[in-house]
C-alpha atoms as a PDB file:
ATOM      1  CA  UNK A   1      43.532  87.536  37.370  1.00  0.00           C
ATOM      2  CA  UNK A   2      40.388  89.344  38.549  1.00  0.00           C
ATOM      3  CA  UNK A   3      37.281  89.936  37.049  1.00  0.00           C
ATOM      4  CA  UNK A   4      34.238  91.877  37.868  1.00  0.00           C
ATOM      5  CA  UNK A   5      31.088  89.626  38.334  1.00  0.00           C
ATOM      6  CA  UNK A   6      27.206  90.243  38.657  1.00  0.00           C
ATOM      7  CA  UNK A   7      25.365  88.339  41.129  1.00  0.00           C
ATOM      8  CA  UNK A   8      22.024  88.107  42.306  1.00  0.00           C
ATOM      9  CA  UNK A   9      21.439  87.342  45.946  1.00  0.00           C
ATOM     10  CA  UNK A  10      18.089  86.313  47.848  1.00  0.00           C
ATOM     11  CA  UNK A  11      17.783  88.309  50.721  1.00  0.00           C
ATOM     12  CA  UNK A  12      15.024  87.963  53.348  1.00  0.00           C
ATOM     13  CA  UNK A  13      13.309  85.457  55.996  1.00  0.00           C
ATOM     14  CA  UNK A  14      10.255  83.180  56.088  1.00  0.00           C
ATOM     15  CA  UNK A  15       7.746  85.976  55.617  1.00  0.00           C
ATOM     16  CA  UNK A  16       9.366  88.107  52.726  1.00  0.00           C
ATOM     17  CA  UNK A  17      12.167  88.639  50.904  1.00  0.00           C
ATOM     18  CA  UNK A  18      13.767  89.350  46.977  1.00  0.00           C
ATOM     19  CA  UNK A  19      16.792  89.076  44.829  1.00  0.00           C
ATOM     20  CA  UNK A  20      19.338  91.874  45.283  1.00  0.00           C
ATOM     21  CA  UNK A  21      21.889  92.675  42.690  1.00  0.00           C
ATOM     22  CA  UNK A  22      25.394  93.235  43.444  1.00  0.00           C
ATOM     23  CA  UNK A  23      28.844  93.627  41.622  1.00  0.00           C
ATOM     24  CA  UNK A  24      31.842  92.039  43.022  1.00  0.00           C
ATOM     25  CA  UNK A  25      35.349  90.785  42.077  1.00  0.00           C
ATOM     26  CA  UNK A  26      36.069  87.255  41.383  1.00  0.00           C
ATOM     27  CA  UNK A  27      39.834  85.989  41.506  1.00  0.00           C
ATOM     28  CA  UNK A  28      41.238  83.219  39.477  1.00  0.00           C
ATOM     29  CA  UNK A  29      40.439  79.872  41.045  1.00  0.00           C
ATOM     30  CA  UNK A  30      37.636  80.856  43.382  1.00  0.00           C
ATOM     31  CA  UNK A  31      34.531  79.131  44.047  1.00  0.00           C
ATOM     32  CA  UNK A  32      31.030  80.752  44.795  1.00  0.00           C
ATOM     33  CA  UNK A  33      31.280  80.396  48.387  1.00  0.00           C
ATOM     34  CA  UNK A  34      34.292  82.728  48.045  1.00  0.00           C
ATOM     35  CA  UNK A  35      32.732  85.460  46.488  1.00  0.00           C
ATOM     36  CA  UNK A  36      29.833  85.293  48.744  1.00  0.00           C
ATOM     37  CA  UNK A  37      32.139  85.430  51.675  1.00  0.00           C
ATOM     38  CA  UNK A  38      33.759  88.824  49.827  1.00  0.00           C
ATOM     39  CA  UNK A  39      30.051  90.162  49.435  1.00  0.00           C
ATOM     40  CA  UNK A  40      29.410  89.622  52.867  1.00  0.00           C
ATOM     41  CA  UNK A  41      32.653  91.317  53.922  1.00  0.00           C
ATOM     42  CA  UNK A  42      32.428  94.209  51.826  1.00  0.00           C
ATOM     43  CA  UNK A  43      28.814  94.980  50.711  1.00  0.00           C
ATOM     44  CA  UNK A  44      26.287  92.756  52.691  1.00  0.00           C
ATOM     45  CA  UNK A  45      27.583  92.588  56.338  1.00  0.00           C
ATOM     46  CA  UNK A  46      24.833  90.820  57.508  1.00  0.00           C
ATOM     47  CA  UNK A  47      24.237  88.135  54.934  1.00  0.00           C
ATOM     48  CA  UNK A  48      23.508  84.987  56.268  1.00  0.00           C
ATOM     49  CA  UNK A  49      25.018  81.764  54.661  1.00  0.00           C
ATOM     50  CA  UNK A  50      25.726  78.492  56.237  1.00  0.00           C
ATOM     51  CA  UNK A  51      29.150  77.043  55.588  1.00  0.00           C
ATOM     52  CA  UNK A  52      32.107  74.847  57.453  1.00  0.00           C
ATOM     53  CA  UNK A  53      34.465  73.063  55.886  1.00  0.00           C
ATOM     54  CA  UNK A  54      34.788  74.554  52.604  1.00  0.00           C
ATOM     55  CA  UNK A  55      35.900  70.967  51.079  1.00  0.00           C
ATOM     56  CA  UNK A  56      32.862  69.449  49.971  1.00  0.00           C
ATOM     57  CA  UNK A  57      32.643  67.145  52.669  1.00  0.00           C
ATOM     58  CA  UNK A  58      30.196  68.745  55.289  1.00  0.00           C
ATOM     59  CA  UNK A  59      27.135  69.607  53.334  1.00  0.00           C
ATOM     60  CA  UNK A  60      26.664  72.655  55.098  1.00  0.00           C
ATOM     61  CA  UNK A  61      26.845  75.225  52.018  1.00  0.00           C
ATOM     62  CA  UNK A  62      23.917  73.994  49.930  1.00  0.00           C
ATOM     63  CA  UNK A  63      22.314  76.610  48.176  1.00  0.00           C
ATOM     64  CA  UNK A  64      20.698  76.834  44.772  1.00  0.00           C
ATOM     65  CA  UNK A  65      22.944  78.348  41.938  1.00  0.00           C
ATOM     66  CA  UNK A  66      21.059  79.432  38.811  1.00  0.00           C
ATOM     67  CA  UNK A  67      18.274  77.473  39.818  1.00  0.00           C
ATOM     68  CA  UNK A  68      20.079  74.178  40.525  1.00  0.00           C
ATOM     69  CA  UNK A  69      20.770  72.809  43.675  1.00  0.00           C
ATOM     70  CA  UNK A  70      24.638  72.874  44.239  1.00  0.00           C
ATOM     71  CA  UNK A  71      27.409  73.089  47.000  1.00  0.00           C
ATOM     72  CA  UNK A  72      28.746  76.891  46.910  1.00  0.00           C
ATOM     73  CA  UNK A  73      32.417  75.637  48.085  1.00  0.00           C
ATOM     74  CA  UNK A  74      32.589  73.173  44.974  1.00  0.00           C
ATOM     75  CA  UNK A  75      30.994  75.208  42.321  1.00  0.00           C
ATOM     76  CA  UNK A  76      33.936  76.860  40.393  1.00  0.00           C
ATOM     77  CA  UNK A  77      33.511  80.441  39.294  1.00  0.00           C
ATOM     78  CA  UNK A  78      35.491  79.605  35.993  1.00  0.00           C
ATOM     79  CA  UNK A  79      32.272  77.393  35.137  1.00  0.00           C
ATOM     80  CA  UNK A  80      30.379  80.648  34.393  1.00  0.00           C
ATOM     81  CA  UNK A  81      30.748  82.636  31.333  1.00  0.00           C
ATOM     82  CA  UNK A  82      32.214  86.175  32.012  1.00  0.00           C
ATOM     83  CA  UNK A  83      29.150  88.075  31.371  1.00  0.00           C
ATOM     84  CA  UNK A  84      26.558  85.787  33.101  1.00  0.00           C
ATOM     85  CA  UNK A  85      24.769  86.950  36.279  1.00  0.00           C
ATOM     86  CA  UNK A  86      24.833  84.402  38.967  1.00  0.00           C
ATOM     87  CA  UNK A  87      21.865  83.965  40.789  1.00  0.00           C
ATOM     88  CA  UNK A  88      22.237  82.245  44.332  1.00  0.00           C
ATOM     89  CA  UNK A  89      19.010  81.419  46.339  1.00  0.00           C
ATOM     90  CA  UNK A  90      18.319  79.326  49.289  1.00  0.00           C
ATOM     91  CA  UNK A  91      17.117  75.551  49.049  1.00  0.00           C
ATOM     92  CA  UNK A  92      13.726  76.052  47.782  1.00  0.00           C
ATOM     93  CA  UNK A  93      12.152  72.448  49.517  1.00  0.00           C
ATOM     94  CA  UNK A  94      12.754  73.979  53.065  1.00  0.00           C
ATOM     95  CA  UNK A  95      11.982  76.981  55.215  1.00  0.00           C
ATOM     96  CA  UNK A  96      13.947  79.835  54.893  1.00  0.00           C
ATOM     97  CA  UNK A  97      15.498  81.166  58.415  1.00  0.00           C
ATOM     98  CA  UNK A  98      17.499  84.080  56.876  1.00  0.00           C
ATOM     99  CA  UNK A  99      18.839  84.771  53.449  1.00  0.00           C
ATOM    100  CA  UNK A 100      20.837  81.763  52.273  1.00  0.00           C
ATOM    101  CA  UNK A 101      20.200  79.647  55.307  1.00  0.00           C
ATOM    102  CA  UNK A 102      17.262  77.133  55.497  1.00  0.00           C
ATOM    103  CA  UNK A 103      15.560  75.092  58.126  1.00  0.00           C
ATOM    104  CA  UNK A 104      16.681  71.470  57.197  1.00  0.00           C
ATOM    105  CA  UNK A 105      15.172  69.832  60.685  1.00  0.00           C
ATOM    106  CA  UNK A 106      12.676  67.896  58.424  1.00  0.00           C
ATOM    107  CA  UNK A 107      15.669  65.769  57.495  1.00  0.00           C
ATOM    108  CA  UNK A 108      16.779  65.101  61.056  1.00  0.00           C
ATOM    109  CA  UNK A 109      13.314  64.064  61.949  1.00  0.00           C
ATOM    110  CA  UNK A 110      13.072  61.681  59.080  1.00  0.00           C
ATOM    111  CA  UNK A 111      16.269  60.038  60.111  1.00  0.00           C
ATOM    112  CA  UNK A 112      15.066  59.520  63.532  1.00  0.00           C
ATOM    113  CA  UNK A 113      11.957  57.497  62.121  1.00  0.00           C
ATOM    114  CA  UNK A 114      14.338  55.053  60.719  1.00  0.00           C
ATOM    115  CA  UNK A 115      15.245  51.979  62.781  1.00  0.00           C
ATOM    116  CA  UNK A 116      19.204  51.670  63.440  1.00  0.00           C
ATOM    117  CA  UNK A 117      20.925  48.736  62.584  1.00  0.00           C
ATOM    118  CA  UNK A 118      20.002  45.623  64.684  1.00  0.00           C
ATOM    119  CA  UNK A 119      22.781  42.972  65.072  1.00  0.00           C
ATOM    120  CA  UNK A 120      22.268  39.209  66.079  1.00  0.00           C
ATOM    121  CA  UNK A 121      21.323  38.834  69.496  1.00  0.00           C
ATOM    122  CA  UNK A 122      24.162  36.448  70.097  1.00  0.00           C
ATOM    123  CA  UNK A 123      26.934  38.278  68.400  1.00  0.00           C
ATOM    124  CA  UNK A 124      29.784  39.119  70.470  1.00  0.00           C
ATOM    125  CA  UNK A 125      32.015  42.438  70.228  1.00  0.00           C
ATOM    126  CA  UNK A 126      34.747  41.150  67.640  1.00  0.00           C
ATOM    127  CA  UNK A 127      32.788  38.335  65.866  1.00  0.00           C
ATOM    128  CA  UNK A 128      31.236  40.067  63.240  1.00  0.00           C
ATOM    129  CA  UNK A 129      32.315  38.527  59.763  1.00  0.00           C
ATOM    130  CA  UNK A 130      31.290  39.789  56.295  1.00  0.00           C
ATOM    131  CA  UNK A 131      32.023  39.060  52.809  1.00  0.00           C
ATOM    132  CA  UNK A 132      34.046  41.974  50.985  1.00  0.00           C
ATOM    133  CA  UNK A 133      31.196  42.000  48.530  1.00  0.00           C
ATOM    134  CA  UNK A 134      28.864  42.803  50.922  1.00  0.00           C
ATOM    135  CA  UNK A 135      30.907  45.759  52.344  1.00  0.00           C
ATOM    136  CA  UNK A 136      31.623  47.149  48.927  1.00  0.00           C
ATOM    137  CA  UNK A 137      27.603  46.733  47.972  1.00  0.00           C
ATOM    138  CA  UNK A 138      26.607  49.347  50.774  1.00  0.00           C
ATOM    139  CA  UNK A 139      29.951  51.528  50.960  1.00  0.00           C
ATOM    140  CA  UNK A 140      28.647  53.861  48.085  1.00  0.00           C
ATOM    141  CA  UNK A 141      25.722  54.973  50.529  1.00  0.00           C
ATOM    142  CA  UNK A 142      28.181  55.610  53.447  1.00  0.00           C
ATOM    143  CA  UNK A 143      29.652  58.291  51.192  1.00  0.00           C
ATOM    144  CA  UNK A 144      26.456  60.609  51.832  1.00  0.00           C
ATOM    145  CA  UNK A 145      27.567  63.851  53.230  1.00  0.00           C
ATOM    146  CA  UNK A 146      23.738  64.822  54.210  1.00  0.00           C
ATOM    147  CA  UNK A 147      24.186  68.009  52.238  1.00  0.00           C
ATOM    148  CA  UNK A 148      20.282  67.523  51.632  1.00  0.00           C
ATOM    149  CA  UNK A 149      20.575  68.416  47.811  1.00  0.00           C
ATOM    150  CA  UNK A 150      19.031  65.447  46.953  1.00  0.00           C
ATOM    151  CA  UNK A 151      16.085  66.201  49.074  1.00  0.00           C
ATOM    152  CA  UNK A 152      15.735  69.689  47.750  1.00  0.00           C
ATOM    153  CA  UNK A 153      15.555  68.633  44.228  1.00  0.00           C
ATOM    154  CA  UNK A 154      13.191  65.871  44.800  1.00  0.00           C
ATOM    155  CA  UNK A 155       9.862  67.240  43.426  1.00  0.00           C
ATOM    156  CA  UNK A 156       7.873  64.800  45.758  1.00  0.00           C
ATOM    157  CA  UNK A 157       9.059  67.388  48.572  1.00  0.00           C
ATOM    158  CA  UNK A 158       9.748  70.331  46.346  1.00  0.00           C
ATOM    159  CA  UNK A 159       6.488  70.817  44.935  1.00  0.00           C
ATOM    160  CA  UNK A 160       4.458  69.346  47.561  1.00  0.00           C
ATOM    161  CA  UNK A 161       4.584  70.371  51.085  1.00  0.00           C
ATOM    162  CA  UNK A 162       1.699  67.909  52.111  1.00  0.00           C
ATOM    163  CA  UNK A 163       3.839  64.791  51.276  1.00  0.00           C
ATOM    164  CA  UNK A 164       6.530  65.571  53.872  1.00  0.00           C
ATOM    165  CA  UNK A 165       4.587  63.811  56.509  1.00  0.00           C
ATOM    166  CA  UNK A 166       4.648  60.398  54.884  1.00  0.00           C
ATOM    167  CA  UNK A 167       7.601  60.524  52.407  1.00  0.00           C
ATOM    168  CA  UNK A 168      11.350  60.295  53.732  1.00  0.00           C
ATOM    169  CA  UNK A 169      13.144  61.136  50.537  1.00  0.00           C
ATOM    170  CA  UNK A 170      16.121  59.724  48.679  1.00  0.00           C
ATOM    171  CA  UNK A 171      18.762  60.587  51.257  1.00  0.00           C
ATOM    172  CA  UNK A 172      16.645  58.144  53.923  1.00  0.00           C
ATOM    173  CA  UNK A 173      15.993  55.651  51.085  1.00  0.00           C
ATOM    174  CA  UNK A 174      19.512  55.002  50.732  1.00  0.00           C
ATOM    175  CA  UNK A 175      20.000  54.779  54.579  1.00  0.00           C
ATOM    176  CA  UNK A 176      17.131  52.202  54.520  1.00  0.00           C
ATOM    177  CA  UNK A 177      18.705  50.143  51.438  1.00  0.00           C
ATOM    178  CA  UNK A 178      22.153  50.061  52.983  1.00  0.00           C
ATOM    179  CA  UNK A 179      20.475  48.579  56.217  1.00  0.00           C
ATOM    180  CA  UNK A 180      18.392  46.098  54.274  1.00  0.00           C
ATOM    181  CA  UNK A 181      21.569  45.019  52.283  1.00  0.00           C
ATOM    182  CA  UNK A 182      23.555  44.616  55.307  1.00  0.00           C
ATOM    183  CA  UNK A 183      24.028  40.801  55.715  1.00  0.00           C
ATOM    184  CA  UNK A 184      23.911  41.103  59.657  1.00  0.00           C
ATOM    185  CA  UNK A 185      21.029  43.367  60.227  1.00  0.00           C
ATOM    186  CA  UNK A 186      17.965  41.185  61.617  1.00  0.00           C
ATOM    187  CA  UNK A 187      15.567  43.905  61.048  1.00  0.00           C
ATOM    188  CA  UNK A 188      13.668  41.980  58.311  1.00  0.00           C
ATOM    189  CA  UNK A 189      10.691  44.214  57.786  1.00  0.00           C
ATOM    190  CA  UNK A 190      12.684  47.229  56.183  1.00  0.00           C
ATOM    191  CA  UNK A 191      11.379  46.783  52.547  1.00  0.00           C
ATOM    192  CA  UNK A 192       7.767  46.966  54.259  1.00  0.00           C
ATOM    193  CA  UNK A 193       8.360  49.968  56.176  1.00  0.00           C
ATOM    194  CA  UNK A 194       9.997  51.732  53.157  1.00  0.00           C
ATOM    195  CA  UNK A 195       6.866  50.980  51.295  1.00  0.00           C
ATOM    196  CA  UNK A 196       4.356  51.541  53.948  1.00  0.00           C
ATOM    197  CA  UNK A 197       5.850  54.133  56.198  1.00  0.00           C
ATOM    198  CA  UNK A 198       8.432  56.140  54.359  1.00  0.00           C
ATOM    199  CA  UNK A 199       6.573  56.652  51.081  1.00  0.00           C
ATOM    200  CA  UNK A 200       8.833  54.620  48.720  1.00  0.00           C
ATOM    201  CA  UNK A 201       6.075  54.062  46.088  1.00  0.00           C
ATOM    202  CA  UNK A 202       5.653  57.992  45.792  1.00  0.00           C
ATOM    203  CA  UNK A 203       9.127  58.170  43.930  1.00  0.00           C
ATOM    204  CA  UNK A 204       8.682  57.946  40.323  1.00  0.00           C
ATOM    205  CA  UNK A 205      12.591  57.466  39.625  1.00  0.00           C
ATOM    206  CA  UNK A 206      13.081  60.479  37.606  1.00  0.00           C
ATOM    207  CA  UNK A 207      16.917  60.499  38.669  1.00  0.00           C
ATOM    208  CA  UNK A 208      17.056  64.019  39.535  1.00  0.00           C
ATOM    209  CA  UNK A 209      18.402  63.222  42.984  1.00  0.00           C
ATOM    210  CA  UNK A 210      21.371  61.281  41.486  1.00  0.00           C
ATOM    211  CA  UNK A 211      22.216  64.218  39.085  1.00  0.00           C
ATOM    212  CA  UNK A 212      22.638  66.599  41.900  1.00  0.00           C
ATOM    213  CA  UNK A 213      24.515  64.234  44.505  1.00  0.00           C
ATOM    214  CA  UNK A 214      28.195  65.741  44.951  1.00  0.00           C
ATOM    215  CA  UNK A 215      29.424  62.356  45.902  1.00  0.00           C
ATOM    216  CA  UNK A 216      28.200  61.063  42.718  1.00  0.00           C
ATOM    217  CA  UNK A 217      26.180  58.122  44.686  1.00  0.00           C
ATOM    218  CA  UNK A 218      23.694  56.414  42.199  1.00  0.00           C
ATOM    219  CA  UNK A 219      20.727  57.094  44.481  1.00  0.00           C
ATOM    220  CA  UNK A 220      17.979  55.871  41.799  1.00  0.00           C
ATOM    221  CA  UNK A 221      19.888  53.047  40.006  1.00  0.00           C
ATOM    222  CA  UNK A 222      21.537  51.737  43.123  1.00  0.00           C
ATOM    223  CA  UNK A 223      19.296  52.243  45.951  1.00  0.00           C
ATOM    224  CA  UNK A 224      15.819  53.158  45.024  1.00  0.00           C
ATOM    225  CA  UNK A 225      15.086  50.812  42.211  1.00  0.00           C
ATOM    226  CA  UNK A 226      16.306  47.777  43.783  1.00  0.00           C
ATOM    227  CA  UNK A 227      14.382  48.700  47.081  1.00  0.00           C
ATOM    228  CA  UNK A 228      11.181  49.090  44.935  1.00  0.00           C
ATOM    229  CA  UNK A 229      11.886  45.556  43.306  1.00  0.00           C
ATOM    230  CA  UNK A 230      12.348  43.987  46.648  1.00  0.00           C
ATOM    231  CA  UNK A 231       8.939  45.527  47.762  1.00  0.00           C
ATOM    232  CA  UNK A 232       7.292  43.862  44.728  1.00  0.00           C
ATOM    233  CA  UNK A 233       8.931  40.647  45.491  1.00  0.00           C
ATOM    234  CA  UNK A 234       7.432  40.499  49.036  1.00  0.00           C
ATOM    235  CA  UNK A 235       3.996  41.982  48.249  1.00  0.00           C
ATOM    236  CA  UNK A 236       3.139  40.339  45.049  1.00  0.00           C
ATOM    237  CA  UNK A 237       5.012  37.418  44.425  1.00  0.00           C
ATOM    238  CA  UNK A 238       2.471  34.475  44.192  1.00  0.00           C
ATOM    239  CA  UNK A 239       4.939  32.013  45.675  1.00  0.00           C
ATOM    240  CA  UNK A 240       5.538  34.227  48.777  1.00  0.00           C
ATOM    241  CA  UNK A 241       2.059  35.140  48.930  1.00  0.00           C
ATOM    242  CA  UNK A 242       1.101  31.418  49.102  1.00  0.00           C
ATOM    243  CA  UNK A 243       3.763  30.554  51.520  1.00  0.00           C
ATOM    244  CA  UNK A 244       2.534  33.403  53.773  1.00  0.00           C
ATOM    245  CA  UNK A 245      -0.948  31.924  53.815  1.00  0.00           C
ATOM    246  CA  UNK A 246       0.189  28.302  54.612  1.00  0.00           C
ATOM    247  CA  UNK A 247       2.344  29.772  57.539  1.00  0.00           C
ATOM    248  CA  UNK A 248      -0.775  31.804  58.960  1.00  0.00           C
ATOM    249  CA  UNK A 249      -2.901  28.503  58.689  1.00  0.00           C
ATOM    250  CA  UNK A 250      -0.291  26.422  60.579  1.00  0.00           C
ATOM    251  CA  UNK A 251      -0.187  29.149  63.223  1.00  0.00           C
ATOM    252  CA  UNK A 252      -3.823  28.689  63.629  1.00  0.00           C
ATOM    253  CA  UNK A 253      -3.974  25.090  64.033  1.00  0.00           C
END
């Protein structure tokens, strides 16, 4: 069954732009990306939209639909009322390149700032061993498809451009947490780096990142909050503090 729907699509570039109204057919079982492609094919031939797999696994088609960060390929047209106008805009937290395409290079720069996995120096190929519980503990974080919806909805980045220099964002907090939980990772100062270099303390755990994650990763509960707790243990636990003072004194002597 085909029905006419009304859409408002943002058109423009980094300097100027506006919402344009369009009426287009939508067929039963289609998603928002299908309808955007129909608009592109029939009415707006130069409409720019980023997409790749159309299966919710590449993260390319991230946009804001009625103000909420979502994957266009995973948003069913049936989820909207028949008389509802669907507004599609680019990710607000990142600079617009053209129309619905944004420059998300900020995220790749942040990824390069995080030290990679550091295995034991004497570990030979094939000798790595882990308990199953340790595998399962961080497996959730490896489901990330880097759609950057969590980055877009995080108000620390979204509403404060000046924070981008010192704040990595939820996508990279789960990366740090994954490595910090790995029993074979030898880089022991990830917790301190998360706090001092990547802005972990700026997160006030509103859970908005968890709400928009298409892979249903519990970013806040399973990564950010445990990382915050570990930072507190390292920096403010009186026993640890006393132990560090004793070690320093022994090194001097």
